[in-house]
Amino acid sequence: METPTLFDLEVTPRDEVGDPNLLKTQTRIREMNDERISRQGLSQTLALRHAAIARLRRRRHEADEVDHEYWVRRRNNIRLVE
């Protein structure tokens, strides 16, 4: 039995219940897709985790800069008062 292509005008019916090779093929395709989705999920999780860490570092750096500027202004104001 030949596999129908997209260009076949008449698709031959298959006996899907009695074809063990078809079931094996479909099962393997599902397993491969599941593995791919699992890997993709893990890689996306790692990417999101790295992005979150980078954001936290940037925010901490910005907060340190703001804190430093505050103390410089305060020190300058204290000198002006003295």
Protein backbone atom coordinates (compact mmCIF):
# COMPACT_ATOMS: atom_id res chain seq x y z
CA MET A 1 0.00 0.00 0.00
CA GLU A 2 1.54 3.31 -1.07
CA THR A 3 1.46 6.37 1.11
CA PRO A 4 -0.77 9.06 -0.39
CA THR A 5 0.83 12.42 -1.16
CA LEU A 6 -0.66 15.87 -1.23
CA PHE A 7 -0.87 15.65 -5.01
CA ASP A 8 -2.99 12.50 -5.12
CA LEU A 9 -6.51 13.28 -6.15
CA GLU A 10 -7.91 10.08 -4.72
CA VAL A 11 -6.84 9.09 -1.23
CA THR A 12 -7.01 5.38 -0.65
CA PRO A 13 -8.68 4.39 2.64
CA ARG A 14 -6.46 2.77 5.27
CA ASP A 15 -7.23 0.03 7.70
CA GLU A 16 -5.84 1.99 10.69
CA VAL A 17 -6.97 -0.52 13.29
CA GLY A 18 -5.24 -3.50 11.77
CA ASP A 19 -1.97 -1.78 10.73
CA PRO A 20 0.60 -2.21 13.55
CA ASN A 21 3.32 -0.33 11.60
CA LEU A 22 1.11 2.72 11.37
CA LEU A 23 0.49 2.61 15.11
CA LYS A 24 4.22 2.26 15.82
CA THR A 25 5.00 5.18 13.51
CA GLN A 26 2.36 7.41 15.08
CA THR A 27 3.55 6.50 18.57
CA ARG A 28 7.16 7.31 17.67
CA ILE A 29 6.15 10.63 16.14
CA ARG A 30 4.23 11.50 19.30
CA GLU A 31 7.23 10.56 21.45
CA MET A 32 9.56 12.68 19.32
CA ASN A 33 7.18 15.63 19.54
CA ASP A 34 6.90 15.23 23.29
CA GLU A 35 10.70 15.17 23.64
CA ARG A 36 10.99 18.29 21.47
CA ILE A 37 8.35 20.10 23.49
CA SER A 38 10.05 19.08 26.73
CA ARG A 39 13.41 20.36 25.49
CA GLN A 40 11.80 23.54 24.25
CA GLY A 41 10.11 24.03 27.59
CA LEU A 42 13.40 23.56 29.43
CA SER A 43 15.29 25.92 27.11
CA GLN A 44 12.55 28.53 27.44
CA THR A 45 12.60 28.15 31.22
CA LEU A 46 16.37 28.65 31.26
CA ALA A 47 16.10 31.67 28.97
CA LEU A 48 13.44 33.25 31.17
CA ARG A 49 15.52 32.52 34.28
CA HIS A 50 18.62 34.16 32.77
CA ALA A 51 16.57 37.16 31.67
CA ALA A 52 15.11 37.54 35.17
CA ILE A 53 18.58 37.39 36.74
CA ALA A 54 19.85 40.00 34.28
CA ARG A 55 16.91 42.29 35.11
CA LEU A 56 17.57 41.94 38.84
CA ARG A 57 21.24 42.78 38.36
CA ARG A 58 20.39 45.84 36.27
CA ARG A 59 17.86 47.02 38.85
CA ARG A 60 20.32 46.51 41.68
CA HIS A 61 23.00 48.40 39.75
CA GLU A 62 20.56 51.26 39.04
CA ALA A 63 19.52 51.32 42.70
CA ASP A 64 23.18 51.50 43.75
CA GLU A 65 23.73 54.43 41.38
CA VAL A 66 20.67 56.25 42.73
CA ASP A 67 21.78 55.59 46.30
CA HIS A 68 25.29 56.86 45.54
CA GLU A 69 23.93 60.03 43.91
CA TYR A 70 21.72 60.62 46.95
CA TRP A 71 24.64 60.45 49.36
CA VAL A 72 26.80 62.67 47.15
CA ARG A 73 24.04 65.31 47.07
CA ARG A 74 23.51 64.99 50.81
CA ARG A 75 27.23 65.37 51.51
CA ASN A 76 27.37 68.43 49.26
CA ASN A 77 24.32 69.92 51.00
CA ILE A 78 25.89 69.35 54.41
CA ARG A 79 29.05 71.14 53.26
CA LEU A 80 26.96 74.05 52.02
CA VAL A 81 25.20 74.32 55.39
CA GLU A 82 28.45 74.24 57.34
